[in-house]
């Protein structure tokens, strides 16, 4: 059933997919209906839930004309998100997940920011982490300015998907979400958007981001990282040769597919060194097989293309592994990782080690 009572075009279309998210869905919807900016439509997209999610959604639609419910067959997040993009009527599209809680002024602040910065295609925001019981704790601050996002985006995803508000025309201009990048569909979209537009984050906390065992990153973390590596390779190909090596790919991205990605040799070396650093940053949670695969590739890259950028990236990965080993109580492992960093890039490793030590002393 779809609620069609409200026919005027809203300022914002909120796309909220849900699949078996009944436990927290009411809290998420309540936080949106309590927004200080009320000119929106809330598109509740049920992805074939087998719990009470659809029934909960329909109770809200029955009493608030801004809420529209779409009962869809289960096809996965990327496909459902593209449905939401097509259904959205507003020039601005906000994302929200079924287990998070938006702060009351979230939409008002983000819409005001986009109104004041017409050259910016998308704005996210900072978050607090929230556990299953609702207890919250601070998260590390995100980069906010377009230049900071641009400089860091290839290293890691610096936008929290359920915080973003984006201009519909810019999302459609790059083709929306790409299905093969499921689990990292947002990261792939941001990389494509920032190649033609400026992206930003608000310094304000706009959302409480719930972390629990049912999160995609908890259940499918390794596949998510593989897909993120593919998104990064895709971006490097576009930026260096003008050709997207994964354009038109249909299927599941796995390690064999990553091996087969066609990139110029030097670009591939840059990509795999960056992949090593990215996986190393997961610390104790890093998948050992994926870490070993990226480390092996990084040393092959080092032998083939010993550029300053590749050398420093691999040294940074070893310093990251050293930090993880040290805080895990593995002093010998930490020293060995530090030794490898120093052997590869003595000056860069020393600079970074001193910078980290100073930061620890200040903290």
Protein backbone atom coordinates (compact mmCIF):
# COMPACT_ATOMS: atom_id res chain seq x y z
CA UNK A 1 0.00 0.00 0.00
CA UNK A 2 1.31 3.46 -0.91
CA UNK A 3 0.18 6.64 0.78
CA UNK A 4 -0.38 9.28 -1.93
CA UNK A 5 -2.28 11.93 0.00
CA UNK A 6 0.49 14.52 -0.20
CA UNK A 7 0.93 15.67 -3.82
CA UNK A 8 3.04 18.82 -3.35
CA UNK A 9 6.76 18.54 -4.09
CA UNK A 10 8.70 18.46 -0.79
CA UNK A 11 12.10 19.99 -0.09
CA UNK A 12 13.60 16.61 0.83
CA UNK A 13 12.89 12.98 0.01
CA UNK A 14 14.16 10.65 2.76
CA UNK A 15 15.02 7.18 1.47
CA UNK A 16 14.82 4.62 4.27
CA UNK A 17 15.18 0.94 3.28
CA UNK A 18 14.38 -1.77 5.81
CA UNK A 19 14.84 -5.53 5.78
CA UNK A 20 13.79 -7.29 8.97
CA UNK A 21 14.51 -4.18 11.00
CA UNK A 22 11.41 -4.15 13.21
CA UNK A 23 13.39 -3.93 16.44
CA UNK A 24 14.57 -0.35 15.88
CA UNK A 25 12.41 0.89 13.00
CA UNK A 26 9.93 2.83 15.13
CA UNK A 27 12.72 4.76 16.84
CA UNK A 28 14.26 5.67 13.49
CA UNK A 29 10.94 6.90 12.08
CA UNK A 30 10.12 8.84 15.24
CA UNK A 31 13.43 10.69 14.96
CA UNK A 32 12.58 11.74 11.41
CA UNK A 33 9.02 12.84 12.19
CA UNK A 34 10.48 14.99 14.98
CA UNK A 35 12.73 16.96 12.60
CA UNK A 36 12.59 20.74 12.89
CA UNK A 37 12.40 20.86 9.09
CA UNK A 38 9.11 19.19 8.33
CA UNK A 39 8.85 19.67 4.55
CA UNK A 40 9.82 16.16 3.48
CA UNK A 41 8.49 12.87 2.22
CA UNK A 42 9.64 9.70 3.98
CA UNK A 43 9.93 6.76 1.60
CA UNK A 44 9.85 3.56 3.65
CA UNK A 45 11.09 0.80 1.33
CA UNK A 46 10.46 -2.66 2.72
CA UNK A 47 12.89 -5.10 1.13
CA UNK A 48 10.79 -8.25 1.51
CA UNK A 49 10.89 -8.33 5.32
CA UNK A 50 9.63 -11.45 7.11
CA UNK A 51 9.23 -9.70 10.49
CA UNK A 52 6.89 -6.86 11.51
CA UNK A 53 8.78 -4.13 9.63
CA UNK A 54 6.10 -3.63 6.98
CA UNK A 55 3.29 -3.53 9.54
CA UNK A 56 5.16 -0.96 11.63
CA UNK A 57 5.79 1.18 8.56
CA UNK A 58 2.11 1.08 7.61
CA UNK A 59 0.99 2.27 11.05
CA UNK A 60 3.05 5.43 10.54
CA UNK A 61 1.76 5.94 7.00
CA UNK A 62 -1.82 5.71 8.27
CA UNK A 63 -1.39 8.72 10.53
CA UNK A 64 1.15 10.95 8.72
CA UNK A 65 0.69 11.85 5.02
CA UNK A 66 4.42 12.48 4.63
CA UNK A 67 5.10 8.76 5.09
CA UNK A 68 4.88 6.53 2.04
CA UNK A 69 5.31 2.77 2.25
CA UNK A 70 6.52 0.63 -0.64
CA UNK A 71 6.38 -3.13 -0.16
CA UNK A 72 9.04 -4.56 -2.47
CA UNK A 73 10.40 -8.01 -3.22
CA UNK A 74 13.73 -8.78 -1.59
CA UNK A 75 16.51 -7.74 -3.99
CA UNK A 76 19.20 -6.33 -1.74
CA UNK A 77 20.19 -2.86 -0.59
CA UNK A 78 21.67 -1.41 -3.79
CA UNK A 79 18.63 -2.30 -5.90
CA UNK A 80 16.23 -1.01 -3.25
CA UNK A 81 18.17 2.25 -2.94
CA UNK A 82 17.91 2.79 -6.70
CA UNK A 83 14.15 2.23 -6.38
CA UNK A 84 14.16 4.94 -3.73
CA UNK A 85 16.04 7.34 -6.01
CA UNK A 86 13.45 6.81 -8.76
CA UNK A 87 10.53 7.28 -6.36
CA UNK A 88 11.96 10.45 -4.76
CA UNK A 89 10.24 13.66 -5.89
CA UNK A 90 12.36 16.23 -4.11
CA UNK A 91 15.50 17.93 -5.46
CA UNK A 92 17.33 16.79 -2.31
CA UNK A 93 17.56 13.15 -1.26
CA UNK A 94 18.43 12.20 2.31
CA UNK A 95 19.52 8.76 3.41
CA UNK A 96 18.56 7.08 6.64
CA UNK A 97 18.88 3.53 8.00
CA UNK A 98 16.25 1.67 9.98
CA UNK A 99 18.36 1.29 13.12
CA UNK A 100 19.79 4.81 13.51
CA UNK A 101 18.42 7.94 15.19
CA UNK A 102 18.58 11.34 13.48
CA UNK A 103 19.10 14.40 15.66
CA UNK A 104 16.18 16.88 15.50
CA UNK A 105 18.00 19.59 13.52
CA UNK A 106 19.75 17.23 11.14
CA UNK A 107 17.73 18.04 8.01
CA UNK A 108 17.42 21.74 8.78
CA UNK A 109 21.19 22.14 9.12
CA UNK A 110 22.04 20.11 6.06
CA UNK A 111 19.45 21.74 3.80
CA UNK A 112 20.56 25.19 4.98
CA UNK A 113 24.17 24.24 4.20
CA UNK A 114 23.33 23.08 0.69
CA UNK A 115 21.24 26.21 0.08
CA UNK A 116 24.26 28.33 1.04
CA UNK A 117 26.74 26.24 -1.00
CA UNK A 118 25.16 25.51 -4.40
CA UNK A 119 28.41 24.07 -5.77
CA UNK A 120 28.38 21.24 -3.21
CA UNK A 121 26.55 18.11 -4.37
CA UNK A 122 26.33 16.25 -1.08
CA UNK A 123 26.74 16.89 2.63
CA UNK A 124 27.08 14.33 5.37
CA UNK A 125 27.71 14.83 9.05
CA UNK A 126 29.42 13.52 12.13
CA UNK A 127 27.92 10.79 14.29
CA UNK A 128 27.95 9.23 17.71
CA UNK A 129 28.15 5.47 18.02
CA UNK A 130 25.25 3.74 19.71
CA UNK A 131 24.99 0.15 20.92
CA UNK A 132 22.03 -2.23 20.89
CA UNK A 133 20.77 -0.87 24.20
CA UNK A 134 20.99 2.77 23.10
CA UNK A 135 24.15 3.73 25.02
CA UNK A 136 26.21 6.25 23.03
CA UNK A 137 29.86 7.17 22.79
CA UNK A 138 31.79 9.67 20.65
CA UNK A 139 33.19 8.74 17.25
CA UNK A 140 36.36 10.15 15.69
CA UNK A 141 35.66 13.42 13.88
CA UNK A 142 35.33 13.23 10.10
CA UNK A 143 36.99 15.58 7.60
CA UNK A 144 34.55 18.34 6.67
CA UNK A 145 35.83 20.59 3.88
CA UNK A 146 35.62 19.50 0.24
CA UNK A 147 39.41 19.64 -0.08
CA UNK A 148 39.89 17.41 2.96
CA UNK A 149 37.33 14.90 1.71
CA UNK A 150 38.95 14.85 -1.72
CA UNK A 151 42.42 14.22 -0.29
CA UNK A 152 41.24 11.37 1.94
CA UNK A 153 38.48 9.66 -0.07
CA UNK A 154 40.77 7.25 -1.92
CA UNK A 155 42.24 6.07 1.38
CA UNK A 156 38.94 5.35 3.10
CA UNK A 157 35.25 6.18 3.12
CA UNK A 158 34.89 9.53 4.89
CA UNK A 159 31.10 9.81 4.60
CA UNK A 160 28.61 7.95 6.81
CA UNK A 161 25.92 6.74 4.42
CA UNK A 162 22.80 7.33 6.59
CA UNK A 163 23.89 10.93 7.29
CA UNK A 164 24.02 12.21 3.72
CA UNK A 165 21.74 14.65 1.93
CA UNK A 166 22.50 14.82 -1.79
CA UNK A 167 21.29 16.71 -4.82
CA UNK A 168 19.15 14.36 -6.91
CA UNK A 169 20.49 15.70 -10.21
CA UNK A 170 24.07 14.92 -9.19
CA UNK A 171 23.24 11.36 -8.11
CA UNK A 172 21.44 10.67 -11.38
CA UNK A 173 24.27 12.26 -13.36
CA UNK A 174 26.64 9.47 -12.25
CA UNK A 175 24.08 6.68 -12.56
CA UNK A 176 23.06 6.06 -8.94
CA UNK A 177 24.19 2.98 -7.03
CA UNK A 178 26.01 0.22 -8.92
CA UNK A 179 24.78 -3.28 -8.05
CA UNK A 180 28.10 -5.22 -8.14
CA UNK A 181 29.46 -2.94 -5.39
CA UNK A 182 26.82 -4.06 -2.88
CA UNK A 183 28.09 -3.60 0.70
CA UNK A 184 30.32 -0.77 -0.56
CA UNK A 185 27.73 0.80 -2.87
CA UNK A 186 27.93 4.09 -1.01
CA UNK A 187 31.73 4.35 -1.25
CA UNK A 188 31.62 3.66 -4.99
CA UNK A 189 28.96 6.36 -5.41
CA UNK A 190 30.94 8.96 -3.44
CA UNK A 191 34.08 8.27 -5.50
CA UNK A 192 32.14 8.85 -8.72
CA UNK A 193 30.36 11.94 -7.41
CA UNK A 194 33.48 13.67 -6.13
CA UNK A 195 35.09 13.37 -9.57
CA UNK A 196 32.58 15.92 -10.86
CA UNK A 197 31.35 17.74 -7.73
CA UNK A 198 32.41 18.93 -4.29
CA UNK A 199 31.36 16.88 -1.24
CA UNK A 200 31.37 17.96 2.42
CA UNK A 201 30.55 16.96 5.98
CA UNK A 202 29.04 19.14 8.67
CA UNK A 203 31.21 19.32 11.79
CA UNK A 204 28.02 18.82 13.81
CA UNK A 205 26.81 15.45 15.02
CA UNK A 206 23.62 14.76 13.05
CA UNK A 207 22.90 11.13 13.86
CA UNK A 208 23.39 8.32 16.37
CA UNK A 209 24.81 5.43 14.36
CA UNK A 210 23.85 2.06 15.82
CA UNK A 211 26.49 -0.68 15.82
CA UNK A 212 25.35 -4.23 16.47
CA UNK A 213 25.81 -7.80 15.30
CA UNK A 214 23.23 -7.46 12.52
CA UNK A 215 25.07 -4.57 10.81
CA UNK A 216 26.22 -5.29 7.27
CA UNK A 217 29.82 -4.52 8.27
CA UNK A 218 29.57 -7.07 11.09
CA UNK A 219 28.04 -9.87 9.00
CA UNK A 220 29.80 -9.31 5.68
CA UNK A 221 32.93 -7.38 6.60
CA UNK A 222 35.35 -9.24 4.31
CA UNK A 223 33.10 -8.98 1.25
CA UNK A 224 32.53 -5.31 2.04
CA UNK A 225 36.27 -4.71 2.02
CA UNK A 226 36.73 -6.60 -1.25
CA UNK A 227 34.02 -4.47 -2.86
CA UNK A 228 35.61 -1.31 -1.47
CA UNK A 229 38.95 -2.35 -3.01
CA UNK A 230 37.17 -2.79 -6.34
CA UNK A 231 35.56 0.66 -6.03
CA UNK A 232 38.99 2.16 -5.40
CA UNK A 233 40.49 0.37 -8.43
CA UNK A 234 37.57 1.59 -10.52
CA UNK A 235 38.21 5.17 -9.42
CA UNK A 236 41.96 4.98 -10.06
CA UNK A 237 41.31 3.67 -13.56
CA UNK A 238 38.93 6.54 -14.35
CA UNK A 239 41.26 9.16 -12.94
CA UNK A 240 44.47 8.02 -14.59
CA UNK A 241 43.37 6.66 -17.97
CA UNK A 242 39.79 7.87 -18.33
CA UNK A 243 38.64 4.24 -18.46
CA UNK A 244 36.66 2.49 -15.74
CA UNK A 245 38.02 -1.08 -15.61
CA UNK A 246 34.83 -2.38 -13.95
CA UNK A 247 32.27 -0.55 -16.10
CA UNK A 248 29.54 -2.95 -17.16
CA UNK A 249 30.64 -5.73 -14.82
CA UNK A 250 27.79 -7.95 -13.64
CA UNK A 251 28.26 -10.48 -10.88
CA UNK A 252 29.98 -10.91 -7.55
CA UNK A 253 33.30 -9.22 -6.90
CA UNK A 254 35.82 -11.61 -5.33
CA UNK A 255 39.61 -11.89 -5.07
CA UNK A 256 39.85 -13.61 -8.44
CA UNK A 257 37.98 -10.71 -10.01
CA UNK A 258 40.31 -8.23 -8.28
CA UNK A 259 43.29 -10.09 -9.73
CA UNK A 260 41.78 -9.74 -13.20
CA UNK A 261 41.15 -5.97 -13.03
CA UNK A 262 43.03 -4.32 -15.89
CA UNK A 263 44.93 -1.23 -14.79
CA UNK A 264 48.14 0.33 -16.09
CA UNK A 265 51.01 -1.39 -14.26
CA UNK A 266 52.06 1.65 -12.22
CA UNK A 267 48.46 2.43 -11.31
CA UNK A 268 47.87 -1.16 -10.21
CA UNK A 269 50.96 -0.93 -8.00
CA UNK A 270 49.60 2.26 -6.43
CA UNK A 271 46.21 0.61 -5.89
CA UNK A 272 47.52 -2.54 -4.21
CA UNK A 273 49.84 -0.58 -1.92
CA UNK A 274 46.87 1.54 -0.91
CA UNK A 275 44.83 -1.64 -0.39
CA UNK A 276 47.48 -2.94 2.03
CA UNK A 277 47.25 0.24 4.10
CA UNK A 278 43.45 0.22 4.04
CA UNK A 279 43.16 -3.36 5.31
CA UNK A 280 45.90 -2.79 7.90
CA UNK A 281 43.85 0.07 9.34
CA UNK A 282 41.21 -2.43 10.45
CA UNK A 283 43.58 -3.40 13.23
CA UNK A 284 42.81 -6.59 15.11
CA UNK A 285 39.59 -6.95 13.10
CA UNK A 286 41.44 -7.18 9.77
CA UNK A 287 40.78 -10.41 7.90
CA UNK A 288 44.12 -12.30 7.88
CA UNK A 289 43.67 -13.76 4.40
CA UNK A 290 42.80 -10.39 2.89
CA UNK A 291 45.68 -8.76 4.76
CA UNK A 292 48.10 -11.41 3.47
CA UNK A 293 46.80 -10.96 -0.10
CA UNK A 294 47.28 -7.19 -0.04
CA UNK A 295 50.69 -7.45 1.66
CA UNK A 296 51.95 -9.89 -0.98
CA UNK A 297 50.70 -7.65 -3.75
CA UNK A 298 52.19 -4.58 -2.11
CA UNK A 299 55.68 -6.09 -2.05
CA UNK A 300 55.31 -7.12 -5.69
CA UNK A 301 54.34 -3.51 -6.42
CA UNK A 302 57.37 -2.30 -4.46
CA UNK A 303 59.67 -4.41 -6.61
CA UNK A 304 58.06 -3.26 -9.85
CA UNK A 305 57.43 0.44 -9.23
CA UNK A 306 59.39 1.86 -6.32
CA UNK A 307 57.91 5.34 -6.32
CA UNK A 308 58.00 7.56 -3.23
CA UNK A 309 54.21 7.31 -2.89
CA UNK A 310 54.19 3.52 -2.96
CA UNK A 311 57.14 3.25 -0.59
CA UNK A 312 55.56 5.57 1.96
CA UNK A 313 52.14 3.90 1.70
CA UNK A 314 53.61 0.46 2.46
CA UNK A 315 55.68 1.88 5.32
CA UNK A 316 52.53 3.45 6.77
CA UNK A 317 50.78 0.09 6.57
CA UNK A 318 53.55 -1.53 8.58
CA UNK A 319 53.42 1.23 11.19
CA UNK A 320 49.67 0.69 11.46
CA UNK A 321 50.25 -3.03 11.99
CA UNK A 322 52.92 -2.19 14.56
CA UNK A 323 50.46 -0.06 16.52
CA UNK A 324 47.87 -2.85 16.46
CA UNK A 325 50.42 -5.42 17.64
CA UNK A 326 51.66 -3.15 20.43
CA UNK A 327 48.21 -2.49 21.87
CA UNK A 328 47.41 -6.18 21.51
CA UNK A 329 50.34 -7.03 23.77
CA UNK A 330 52.53 -8.41 20.98
CA UNK A 331 55.68 -6.35 21.60
CA UNK A 332 57.92 -8.47 19.37
CA UNK A 333 55.40 -8.28 16.54
CA UNK A 334 55.20 -4.51 16.92
CA UNK A 335 58.98 -4.18 16.78
CA UNK A 336 59.16 -6.37 13.68
CA UNK A 337 56.51 -4.30 11.87
CA UNK A 338 58.30 -1.11 12.89
CA UNK A 339 61.59 -2.54 11.60
CA UNK A 340 60.01 -3.30 8.24
CA UNK A 341 58.67 0.24 7.97
CA UNK A 342 62.09 1.70 8.77
CA UNK A 343 63.83 -0.59 6.28
CA UNK A 344 61.47 0.42 3.46
CA UNK A 345 61.23 4.16 4.13
CA UNK A 346 63.51 5.32 6.99
CA UNK A 347 62.70 9.03 6.87
CA UNK A 348 58.97 8.71 6.28
CA UNK A 349 58.61 6.01 8.95
CA UNK A 350 60.56 8.04 11.49
CA UNK A 351 58.48 11.15 10.81
CA UNK A 352 55.23 9.27 11.23
CA UNK A 353 56.38 7.45 14.33
CA UNK A 354 57.40 10.74 15.96
CA UNK A 355 54.14 12.39 14.92
CA UNK A 356 52.16 9.55 16.48
CA UNK A 357 54.25 9.65 19.67
CA UNK A 358 53.64 13.40 20.03
CA UNK A 359 49.91 12.89 19.51
CA UNK A 360 49.86 10.20 22.19
CA UNK A 361 51.69 12.44 24.64
CA UNK A 362 49.26 15.31 24.01
CA UNK A 363 46.31 12.95 24.42
